[in-house]
Structures are given as structure tokens and as C-alpha cells.
Amino acid sequence: DLLENYCWYDDLMNLARLAFSFTILLTYPIECLVTRSVLLQVLNAYHSTDKQHVGFTLAIVLITYFISITTDCLGVVLELNGVLAAVPLAFILPALSYLKLESGSIFSKQKLPALGLALFGVMVAFVGLIQILYAIQSGSVSKCMHGLAMPYCNKTQLNGTRN
């Protein structure tokens, strides 16, 4: 977390922390809306009842809540997000879309680069997920440092003096 590198008495950085928190507060409902819409489309529940709508929303909020309280290390969460969301979005889904929309055999000369890109994305996601799970299992996640004041934030060390 970049903002943890700044001192707690820095007013500008505290304002940046507040703005970042406010942004996350407003972003989360939009992400829940998109997730719920995708789930309803996948399950072919286009005309869901109000109870199903509330149930899906509550399930999404509870699942994300329980995942978020398993760790307080932002690095692991960002790594999981990258492996499970960014890699498929950047590598796998565009390649699969091209393979689906372009006519011809999947192993044709035109489609081989897209097939290679999709396979590369699957490999990166798989290896990344294995590395994250290994880090969690080995306990290196528990060594995540946060909430500690940096040595240069100690007011007694300003100007090179100590009290």
C-alpha cells in the first residue's frame, strides 16, 4: 500500500487516504451490481424475483466479506485479483472471443496466435494461483508488514537528532 509509506501526521496523505477510502466505498456497490448481473445471466435467471435478487446480492456481499476478513494483507488480495480477474481479462477472454467469432478450424494458421495467447493466459493464471496458495500455506503472508510507522516518521529523528 503506497499510502503506508507516508507519515500519519502528513495532512495531505491523510486527505489522500480519506479520498481513497471514499472511492472504494463508492466502487464496491457497482462491482456487486456487475457480479450479480453476470451471475443471473449465467444462471439464465433474467426475470428473477425480488427475493432471488436480494438473495444473490446478499450472497455476494457475504462471500466478499468473509474472504476479506481472512487476511489483512492487501498484497495477497491484489495478487488474487490479478490472477483471477486481470489475467483472464487481458489474455484468456480476448483470445477465446476471437477463436469463437473467427470462422475456420481452431488449429488454423490464423487462429494459432490466439490459441497460444489463451494457453499462455491459462498457464500464467495457474502458476500464479499455485504461488499464492504456496505463500499462504508457508506462512509468508503472515509476515505482511502494515500499520507500522516508518523510521523516518519518528519525530525524534527529524534533522538527524534523537531524544
N, C-alpha and C. Protein backbone atom coordinates (compact mmCIF):
# COMPACT_ATOMS: atom_id res chain seq x y z
N ASP A 1 0.84 -1.17 0.00
CA ASP A 1 0.00 0.00 0.00
C ASP A 1 0.89 1.23 0.00
N LEU A 2 0.81 1.98 -1.03
CA LEU A 2 1.65 3.16 -1.21
C LEU A 2 1.44 4.18 -0.10
N LEU A 3 0.22 4.35 0.34
CA LEU A 3 -0.07 5.38 1.34
C LEU A 3 0.51 5.06 2.70
N GLU A 4 0.89 3.81 2.95
CA GLU A 4 1.51 3.47 4.22
C GLU A 4 2.96 3.94 4.30
N ASN A 5 3.53 4.34 3.19
CA ASN A 5 4.90 4.84 3.19
C ASN A 5 4.99 6.29 3.67
N TYR A 6 3.87 6.91 3.90
CA TYR A 6 3.84 8.30 4.35
C TYR A 6 3.49 8.34 5.83
N CYS A 7 3.93 9.37 6.50
CA CYS A 7 3.72 9.51 7.94
C CYS A 7 2.26 9.83 8.24
N TRP A 8 1.82 9.42 9.44
CA TRP A 8 0.44 9.62 9.83
C TRP A 8 0.13 11.08 10.14
N TYR A 9 1.12 11.89 10.40
CA TYR A 9 0.87 13.30 10.68
C TYR A 9 0.93 14.16 9.41
N ASP A 10 1.08 13.54 8.25
CA ASP A 10 1.10 14.26 6.98
C ASP A 10 -0.35 14.50 6.54
N ASP A 11 -0.80 15.74 6.63
CA ASP A 11 -2.20 16.07 6.35
C ASP A 11 -2.60 15.77 4.91
N LEU A 12 -1.72 16.03 3.96
CA LEU A 12 -2.03 15.76 2.56
C LEU A 12 -2.24 14.26 2.32
N MET A 13 -1.41 13.44 2.93
CA MET A 13 -1.56 11.99 2.76
C MET A 13 -2.79 11.47 3.49
N ASN A 14 -3.14 12.09 4.61
CA ASN A 14 -4.38 11.70 5.29
C ASN A 14 -5.59 12.04 4.44
N LEU A 15 -5.53 13.17 3.74
CA LEU A 15 -6.60 13.51 2.81
C LEU A 15 -6.65 12.51 1.65
N ALA A 16 -5.48 12.09 1.17
CA ALA A 16 -5.43 11.07 0.11
C ALA A 16 -5.99 9.74 0.61
N ARG A 17 -5.69 9.37 1.85
CA ARG A 17 -6.25 8.14 2.43
C ARG A 17 -7.77 8.22 2.51
N LEU A 18 -8.28 9.38 2.92
CA LEU A 18 -9.73 9.58 3.00
C LEU A 18 -10.36 9.49 1.61
N ALA A 19 -9.75 10.12 0.62
CA ALA A 19 -10.27 10.07 -0.75
C ALA A 19 -10.25 8.64 -1.29
N PHE A 20 -9.17 7.91 -1.01
CA PHE A 20 -9.07 6.52 -1.46
C PHE A 20 -10.17 5.67 -0.81
N SER A 21 -10.38 5.85 0.48
CA SER A 21 -11.43 5.10 1.19
C SER A 21 -12.80 5.42 0.62
N PHE A 22 -13.04 6.69 0.33
CA PHE A 22 -14.32 7.10 -0.23
C PHE A 22 -14.52 6.50 -1.63
N THR A 23 -13.47 6.44 -2.41
CA THR A 23 -13.54 5.84 -3.74
C THR A 23 -13.89 4.37 -3.65
N ILE A 24 -13.24 3.65 -2.75
CA ILE A 24 -13.54 2.23 -2.57
C ILE A 24 -14.97 2.05 -2.08
N LEU A 25 -15.41 2.92 -1.19
CA LEU A 25 -16.77 2.86 -0.67
C LEU A 25 -17.80 2.99 -1.79
N LEU A 26 -17.52 3.85 -2.77
CA LEU A 26 -18.45 4.04 -3.88
C LEU A 26 -18.29 3.01 -4.99
N THR A 27 -17.13 2.39 -5.09
CA THR A 27 -16.87 1.41 -6.15
C THR A 27 -17.49 0.06 -5.83
N TYR A 28 -17.50 -0.33 -4.58
CA TYR A 28 -17.96 -1.67 -4.20
C TYR A 28 -19.40 -1.96 -4.65
N PRO A 29 -20.36 -1.06 -4.46
CA PRO A 29 -21.72 -1.38 -4.94
C PRO A 29 -21.80 -1.60 -6.45
N ILE A 30 -21.01 -0.87 -7.21
CA ILE A 30 -21.01 -1.05 -8.67
C ILE A 30 -20.46 -2.43 -9.02
N GLU A 31 -19.41 -2.85 -8.33
CA GLU A 31 -18.85 -4.17 -8.58
C GLU A 31 -19.85 -5.27 -8.20
N CYS A 32 -20.60 -5.07 -7.13
CA CYS A 32 -21.64 -6.04 -6.76
C CYS A 32 -22.73 -6.10 -7.83
N LEU A 33 -23.09 -4.96 -8.37
CA LEU A 33 -24.11 -4.92 -9.42
C LEU A 33 -23.67 -5.72 -10.64
N VAL A 34 -22.44 -5.51 -11.08
CA VAL A 34 -21.93 -6.23 -12.25
C VAL A 34 -21.85 -7.72 -11.96
N THR A 35 -21.33 -8.09 -10.79
CA THR A 35 -21.22 -9.50 -10.43
C THR A 35 -22.59 -10.17 -10.40
N ARG A 36 -23.56 -9.50 -9.80
CA ARG A 36 -24.91 -10.05 -9.73
C ARG A 36 -25.50 -10.21 -11.13
N SER A 37 -25.32 -9.22 -11.99
CA SER A 37 -25.85 -9.31 -13.35
C SER A 37 -25.24 -10.47 -14.12
N VAL A 38 -23.93 -10.64 -13.99
CA VAL A 38 -23.26 -11.75 -14.68
C VAL A 38 -23.76 -13.09 -14.15
N LEU A 39 -23.88 -13.21 -12.83
CA LEU A 39 -24.37 -14.47 -12.26
C LEU A 39 -25.79 -14.78 -12.72
N LEU A 40 -26.64 -13.78 -12.75
CA LEU A 40 -28.01 -14.00 -13.20
C LEU A 40 -28.06 -14.40 -14.67
N GLN A 41 -27.17 -13.83 -15.49
CA GLN A 41 -27.14 -14.21 -16.91
C GLN A 41 -26.60 -15.62 -17.09
N VAL A 42 -25.59 -15.97 -16.31
CA VAL A 42 -25.02 -17.32 -16.42
C VAL A 42 -26.06 -18.36 -16.00
N LEU A 43 -26.83 -18.04 -14.99
CA LEU A 43 -27.84 -18.98 -14.49
C LEU A 43 -29.16 -18.87 -15.24
N ASN A 44 -29.19 -18.06 -16.30
CA ASN A 44 -30.40 -17.85 -17.10
C ASN A 44 -31.58 -17.40 -16.25
N ALA A 45 -31.30 -16.57 -15.28
CA ALA A 45 -32.36 -16.04 -14.41
C ALA A 45 -32.61 -14.58 -14.76
N TYR A 46 -32.95 -14.32 -16.03
CA TYR A 46 -33.15 -12.95 -16.49
C TYR A 46 -34.31 -12.28 -15.77
N HIS A 47 -35.33 -13.04 -15.49
CA HIS A 47 -36.52 -12.49 -14.83
C HIS A 47 -36.58 -13.01 -13.41
N SER A 48 -35.62 -12.61 -12.61
CA SER A 48 -35.57 -13.10 -11.23
C SER A 48 -36.57 -12.33 -10.38
N THR A 49 -37.02 -12.99 -9.34
CA THR A 49 -37.94 -12.35 -8.40
C THR A 49 -37.15 -11.44 -7.47
N ASP A 50 -37.87 -10.64 -6.72
CA ASP A 50 -37.20 -9.74 -5.77
C ASP A 50 -36.44 -10.54 -4.72
N LYS A 51 -36.99 -11.67 -4.30
CA LYS A 51 -36.30 -12.50 -3.30
C LYS A 51 -35.00 -13.06 -3.86
N GLN A 52 -35.01 -13.51 -5.12
CA GLN A 52 -33.78 -14.01 -5.74
C GLN A 52 -32.76 -12.89 -5.90
N HIS A 53 -33.24 -11.73 -6.26
CA HIS A 53 -32.37 -10.57 -6.44
C HIS A 53 -31.67 -10.22 -5.12
N VAL A 54 -32.44 -10.15 -4.05
CA VAL A 54 -31.88 -9.85 -2.73
C VAL A 54 -30.97 -10.99 -2.28
N GLY A 55 -31.35 -12.22 -2.56
CA GLY A 55 -30.54 -13.37 -2.17
C GLY A 55 -29.18 -13.37 -2.85
N PHE A 56 -29.16 -13.11 -4.15
CA PHE A 56 -27.88 -13.04 -4.87
C PHE A 56 -27.01 -11.90 -4.33
N THR A 57 -27.63 -10.75 -4.11
CA THR A 57 -26.87 -9.60 -3.60
C THR A 57 -26.31 -9.90 -2.22
N LEU A 58 -27.11 -10.47 -1.35
CA LEU A 58 -26.65 -10.81 0.00
C LEU A 58 -25.54 -11.85 -0.05
N ALA A 59 -25.67 -12.83 -0.93
CA ALA A 59 -24.63 -13.85 -1.06
C ALA A 59 -23.31 -13.23 -1.53
N ILE A 60 -23.36 -12.34 -2.49
CA ILE A 60 -22.15 -11.68 -2.99
C ILE A 60 -21.49 -10.87 -1.88
N VAL A 61 -22.28 -10.10 -1.15
CA VAL A 61 -21.73 -9.27 -0.07
C VAL A 61 -21.12 -10.14 1.02
N LEU A 62 -21.81 -11.21 1.41
CA LEU A 62 -21.29 -12.07 2.47
C LEU A 62 -20.03 -12.82 2.04
N ILE A 63 -20.01 -13.31 0.81
CA ILE A 63 -18.82 -14.02 0.32
C ILE A 63 -17.62 -13.09 0.29
N THR A 64 -17.81 -11.89 -0.25
CA THR A 64 -16.68 -10.95 -0.29
C THR A 64 -16.26 -10.53 1.11
N TYR A 65 -17.22 -10.41 2.01
CA TYR A 65 -16.87 -10.05 3.40
C TYR A 65 -16.03 -11.14 4.04
N PHE A 66 -16.46 -12.39 3.92
CA PHE A 66 -15.72 -13.48 4.56
C PHE A 66 -14.34 -13.68 3.93
N ILE A 67 -14.23 -13.45 2.64
CA ILE A 67 -12.91 -13.51 2.01
C ILE A 67 -12.03 -12.38 2.53
N SER A 68 -12.61 -11.20 2.69
CA SER A 68 -11.80 -10.05 3.10
C SER A 68 -11.31 -10.16 4.54
N ILE A 69 -12.05 -10.84 5.41
CA ILE A 69 -11.60 -10.92 6.80
C ILE A 69 -10.60 -12.05 7.03
N THR A 70 -10.32 -12.84 6.00
CA THR A 70 -9.34 -13.91 6.18
C THR A 70 -7.92 -13.37 6.22
N THR A 71 -7.69 -12.19 5.68
CA THR A 71 -6.35 -11.61 5.70
C THR A 71 -6.46 -10.09 5.79
N ASP A 72 -5.47 -9.50 6.40
CA ASP A 72 -5.42 -8.04 6.41
C ASP A 72 -4.24 -7.54 5.59
N CYS A 73 -3.69 -8.42 4.78
CA CYS A 73 -2.56 -8.07 3.92
C CYS A 73 -3.09 -7.77 2.52
N LEU A 74 -2.99 -6.53 2.13
CA LEU A 74 -3.52 -6.10 0.85
C LEU A 74 -2.81 -6.76 -0.33
N GLY A 75 -1.55 -7.10 -0.16
CA GLY A 75 -0.78 -7.72 -1.24
C GLY A 75 -1.39 -9.01 -1.73
N VAL A 76 -1.84 -9.86 -0.82
CA VAL A 76 -2.45 -11.14 -1.19
C VAL A 76 -3.75 -10.91 -1.95
N VAL A 77 -4.53 -9.96 -1.50
CA VAL A 77 -5.80 -9.67 -2.16
C VAL A 77 -5.55 -9.16 -3.58
N LEU A 78 -4.57 -8.28 -3.74
CA LEU A 78 -4.26 -7.77 -5.07
C LEU A 78 -3.68 -8.85 -5.97
N GLU A 79 -2.88 -9.75 -5.41
CA GLU A 79 -2.35 -10.86 -6.20
C GLU A 79 -3.48 -11.77 -6.68
N LEU A 80 -4.40 -12.10 -5.78
CA LEU A 80 -5.55 -12.93 -6.17
C LEU A 80 -6.39 -12.23 -7.24
N ASN A 81 -6.60 -10.94 -7.07
CA ASN A 81 -7.36 -10.18 -8.06
C ASN A 81 -6.66 -10.21 -9.42
N GLY A 82 -5.35 -10.07 -9.41
CA GLY A 82 -4.61 -10.11 -10.67
C GLY A 82 -4.68 -11.45 -11.35
N VAL A 83 -4.52 -12.51 -10.56
CA VAL A 83 -4.50 -13.86 -11.13
C VAL A 83 -5.89 -14.29 -11.58
N LEU A 84 -6.91 -13.98 -10.80
CA LEU A 84 -8.25 -14.48 -11.10
C LEU A 84 -9.09 -13.53 -11.95
N ALA A 85 -8.71 -12.26 -12.04
CA ALA A 85 -9.51 -11.32 -12.82
C ALA A 85 -8.71 -10.67 -13.96
N ALA A 86 -7.55 -10.14 -13.65
CA ALA A 86 -6.80 -9.39 -14.67
C ALA A 86 -6.23 -10.29 -15.75
N VAL A 87 -5.67 -11.42 -15.37
CA VAL A 87 -5.08 -12.32 -16.38
C VAL A 87 -6.15 -12.84 -17.34
N PRO A 88 -7.28 -13.34 -16.85
CA PRO A 88 -8.31 -13.76 -17.81
C PRO A 88 -8.82 -12.61 -18.68
N LEU A 89 -8.94 -11.43 -18.09
CA LEU A 89 -9.44 -10.29 -18.84
C LEU A 89 -8.46 -9.84 -19.91
N ALA A 90 -7.17 -9.93 -19.63
CA ALA A 90 -6.16 -9.45 -20.58
C ALA A 90 -5.75 -10.50 -21.60
N PHE A 91 -5.70 -11.77 -21.21
CA PHE A 91 -5.15 -12.80 -22.09
C PHE A 91 -6.20 -13.81 -22.57
N ILE A 92 -6.96 -14.36 -21.65
CA ILE A 92 -7.80 -15.51 -21.98
C ILE A 92 -9.07 -15.11 -22.73
N LEU A 93 -9.83 -14.16 -22.18
CA LEU A 93 -11.12 -13.82 -22.78
C LEU A 93 -11.01 -13.22 -24.19
N PRO A 94 -10.08 -12.30 -24.45
CA PRO A 94 -9.97 -11.81 -25.84
C PRO A 94 -9.60 -12.92 -26.83
N ALA A 95 -8.70 -13.79 -26.41
CA ALA A 95 -8.31 -14.89 -27.30
C ALA A 95 -9.47 -15.84 -27.56
N LEU A 96 -10.19 -16.19 -26.51
CA LEU A 96 -11.34 -17.09 -26.69
C LEU A 96 -12.44 -16.44 -27.52
N SER A 97 -12.63 -15.14 -27.35
CA SER A 97 -13.63 -14.43 -28.17
C SER A 97 -13.25 -14.48 -29.64
N TYR A 98 -11.97 -14.25 -29.93
CA TYR A 98 -11.51 -14.33 -31.32
C TYR A 98 -11.68 -15.74 -31.87
N LEU A 99 -11.31 -16.73 -31.08
CA LEU A 99 -11.44 -18.12 -31.53
C LEU A 99 -12.90 -18.47 -31.82
N LYS A 100 -13.81 -17.93 -31.03
CA LYS A 100 -15.23 -18.22 -31.20
C LYS A 100 -15.80 -17.49 -32.42
N LEU A 101 -15.39 -16.25 -32.62
CA LEU A 101 -16.00 -15.43 -33.67
C LEU A 101 -15.41 -15.66 -35.05
N GLU A 102 -14.15 -16.00 -35.12
CA GLU A 102 -13.48 -16.21 -36.41
C GLU A 102 -13.84 -17.59 -36.96
N SER A 103 -14.18 -17.64 -38.22
CA SER A 103 -14.55 -18.93 -38.82
C SER A 103 -13.30 -19.75 -39.12
N GLY A 104 -13.49 -21.04 -39.21
CA GLY A 104 -12.39 -21.94 -39.52
C GLY A 104 -12.03 -22.81 -38.34
N SER A 105 -11.08 -23.70 -38.60
CA SER A 105 -10.63 -24.63 -37.57
C SER A 105 -9.88 -23.89 -36.47
N ILE A 106 -9.96 -24.42 -35.27
CA ILE A 106 -9.27 -23.80 -34.13
C ILE A 106 -7.76 -23.87 -34.28
N PHE A 107 -7.28 -24.84 -35.06
CA PHE A 107 -5.84 -25.00 -35.28
C PHE A 107 -5.38 -24.40 -36.61
N SER A 108 -6.22 -23.53 -37.21
CA SER A 108 -5.82 -22.90 -38.47
C SER A 108 -4.69 -21.91 -38.22
N LYS A 109 -4.03 -21.55 -39.31
CA LYS A 109 -2.87 -20.65 -39.21
C LYS A 109 -3.26 -19.29 -38.61
N GLN A 110 -4.47 -18.84 -38.92
CA GLN A 110 -4.94 -17.55 -38.41
C GLN A 110 -5.22 -17.60 -36.91
N LYS A 111 -5.68 -18.73 -36.42
CA LYS A 111 -6.11 -18.82 -35.02
C LYS A 111 -5.02 -19.28 -34.06
N LEU A 112 -3.91 -19.76 -34.58
CA LEU A 112 -2.85 -20.25 -33.69
C LEU A 112 -2.32 -19.20 -32.72
N PRO A 113 -2.10 -17.94 -33.14
CA PRO A 113 -1.65 -16.95 -32.15
C PRO A 113 -2.66 -16.73 -31.02
N ALA A 114 -3.94 -16.71 -31.36
CA ALA A 114 -4.96 -16.53 -30.33
C ALA A 114 -5.01 -17.74 -29.40
N LEU A 115 -4.86 -18.92 -29.96
CA LEU A 115 -4.82 -20.13 -29.14
C LEU A 115 -3.61 -20.11 -28.21
N GLY A 116 -2.47 -19.68 -28.75
CA GLY A 116 -1.26 -19.56 -27.92
C GLY A 116 -1.44 -18.54 -26.81
N LEU A 117 -2.10 -17.43 -27.11
CA LEU A 117 -2.36 -16.40 -26.09
C LEU A 117 -3.27 -16.93 -24.99
N ALA A 118 -4.31 -17.66 -25.38
CA ALA A 118 -5.21 -18.24 -24.38
C ALA A 118 -4.49 -19.25 -23.51
N LEU A 119 -3.69 -20.11 -24.12
CA LEU A 119 -2.94 -21.10 -23.34
C LEU A 119 -1.92 -20.43 -22.42
N PHE A 120 -1.27 -19.37 -22.91
CA PHE A 120 -0.34 -18.62 -22.08
C PHE A 120 -1.07 -18.02 -20.87
N GLY A 121 -2.25 -17.44 -21.10
CA GLY A 121 -3.03 -16.86 -20.01
C GLY A 121 -3.44 -17.89 -18.98
N VAL A 122 -3.86 -19.07 -19.44
CA VAL A 122 -4.22 -20.15 -18.52
C VAL A 122 -3.01 -20.58 -17.71
N MET A 123 -1.85 -20.68 -18.37
CA MET A 123 -0.63 -21.08 -17.67
C MET A 123 -0.23 -20.04 -16.62
N VAL A 124 -0.28 -18.76 -16.98
CA VAL A 124 0.08 -17.70 -16.04
C VAL A 124 -0.88 -17.69 -14.85
N ALA A 125 -2.17 -17.84 -15.11
CA ALA A 125 -3.15 -17.86 -14.02
C ALA A 125 -2.93 -19.06 -13.12
N PHE A 126 -2.66 -20.21 -13.70
CA PHE A 126 -2.45 -21.42 -12.90
C PHE A 126 -1.19 -21.30 -12.04
N VAL A 127 -0.09 -20.88 -12.65
CA VAL A 127 1.17 -20.74 -11.91
C VAL A 127 1.03 -19.67 -10.83
N GLY A 128 0.39 -18.57 -11.16
CA GLY A 128 0.19 -17.51 -10.17
C GLY A 128 -0.65 -17.96 -9.00
N LEU A 129 -1.71 -18.71 -9.29
CA LEU A 129 -2.56 -19.22 -8.21
C LEU A 129 -1.81 -20.21 -7.33
N ILE A 130 -1.01 -21.07 -7.94
CA ILE A 130 -0.20 -22.01 -7.16
C ILE A 130 0.78 -21.26 -6.26
N GLN A 131 1.41 -20.21 -6.78
CA GLN A 131 2.36 -19.44 -5.97
C GLN A 131 1.66 -18.74 -4.81
N ILE A 132 0.49 -18.21 -5.04
CA ILE A 132 -0.25 -17.55 -3.96
C ILE A 132 -0.65 -18.56 -2.90
N LEU A 133 -1.16 -19.71 -3.32
CA LEU A 133 -1.55 -20.74 -2.36
C LEU A 133 -0.34 -21.24 -1.58
N TYR A 134 0.80 -21.36 -2.24
CA TYR A 134 2.03 -21.78 -1.54
C TYR A 134 2.44 -20.72 -0.51
N ALA A 135 2.34 -19.45 -0.88
CA ALA A 135 2.69 -18.37 0.05
C ALA A 135 1.77 -18.37 1.26
N ILE A 136 0.50 -18.63 1.04
CA ILE A 136 -0.45 -18.69 2.16
C ILE A 136 -0.14 -19.88 3.04
N GLN A 137 0.12 -21.04 2.42
CA GLN A 137 0.39 -22.27 3.17
C GLN A 137 1.70 -22.18 3.94
N SER A 138 2.72 -21.55 3.36
CA SER A 138 4.04 -21.49 4.00
C SER A 138 4.11 -20.44 5.10
N GLY A 139 3.10 -19.60 5.19
CA GLY A 139 3.07 -18.61 6.26
C GLY A 139 3.74 -17.30 5.92
N SER A 140 4.20 -17.13 4.69
CA SER A 140 4.85 -15.86 4.35
C SER A 140 3.85 -14.71 4.29
N VAL A 141 2.57 -15.03 4.16
CA VAL A 141 1.55 -13.99 4.16
C VAL A 141 1.44 -13.35 5.54
N SER A 142 1.65 -14.15 6.58
CA SER A 142 1.54 -13.62 7.94
C SER A 142 2.65 -12.64 8.26
N LYS A 143 3.69 -12.59 7.43
CA LYS A 143 4.80 -11.66 7.63
C LYS A 143 4.53 -10.32 6.96
N CYS A 144 3.32 -10.13 6.49
CA CYS A 144 2.95 -8.88 5.84
C CYS A 144 3.08 -7.74 6.84
N MET A 145 3.81 -6.71 6.46
CA MET A 145 4.02 -5.58 7.36
C MET A 145 3.05 -4.46 7.00
N HIS A 146 2.34 -4.00 8.00
CA HIS A 146 1.43 -2.88 7.80
C HIS A 146 1.13 -2.25 9.15
N GLY A 147 0.74 -1.02 9.12
CA GLY A 147 0.38 -0.33 10.34
C GLY A 147 1.56 0.13 11.18
N LEU A 148 2.78 -0.10 10.70
CA LEU A 148 3.96 0.33 11.44
C LEU A 148 4.44 1.67 10.89
N ALA A 149 4.83 2.54 11.77
CA ALA A 149 5.37 3.82 11.33
C ALA A 149 6.78 3.60 10.80
N MET A 150 7.07 4.22 9.69
CA MET A 150 8.40 4.13 9.11
C MET A 150 9.39 4.86 10.02
N PRO A 151 10.64 4.44 10.01
CA PRO A 151 11.62 5.09 10.89
C PRO A 151 11.74 6.59 10.66
N TYR A 152 11.56 7.03 9.42
CA TYR A 152 11.67 8.46 9.14
C TYR A 152 10.46 9.25 9.63
N CYS A 153 9.42 8.56 10.11
CA CYS A 153 8.26 9.25 10.66
C CYS A 153 8.41 9.53 12.15
N ASN A 154 9.43 9.00 12.76
CA ASN A 154 9.68 9.23 14.17
C ASN A 154 10.11 10.68 14.34
N LYS A 155 9.30 11.47 15.03
CA LYS A 155 9.57 12.90 15.14
C LYS A 155 10.88 13.18 15.86
N THR A 156 11.35 12.25 16.66
CA THR A 156 12.62 12.49 17.36
C THR A 156 13.80 12.33 16.43
N GLN A 157 13.59 11.73 15.26
CA GLN A 157 14.70 11.53 14.33
C GLN A 157 14.73 12.58 13.23
N LEU A 158 13.85 13.56 13.29
CA LEU A 158 13.88 14.62 12.30
C LEU A 158 15.18 15.41 12.46
N ASN A 159 15.75 15.81 11.40
CA ASN A 159 17.01 16.56 11.37
C ASN A 159 18.18 15.77 11.95
N GLY A 160 18.07 14.47 12.03
CA GLY A 160 19.18 13.63 12.46
C GLY A 160 19.45 13.64 13.96
N THR A 161 18.54 14.16 14.76
CA THR A 161 18.75 14.17 16.21
C THR A 161 17.84 13.17 16.88
N ARG A 162 18.25 12.69 18.03
CA ARG A 162 17.43 11.77 18.82
C ARG A 162 17.30 12.30 20.23
N ASN A 163 16.18 12.03 20.81
CA ASN A 163 15.97 12.43 22.21
C ASN A 163 15.99 11.22 23.10
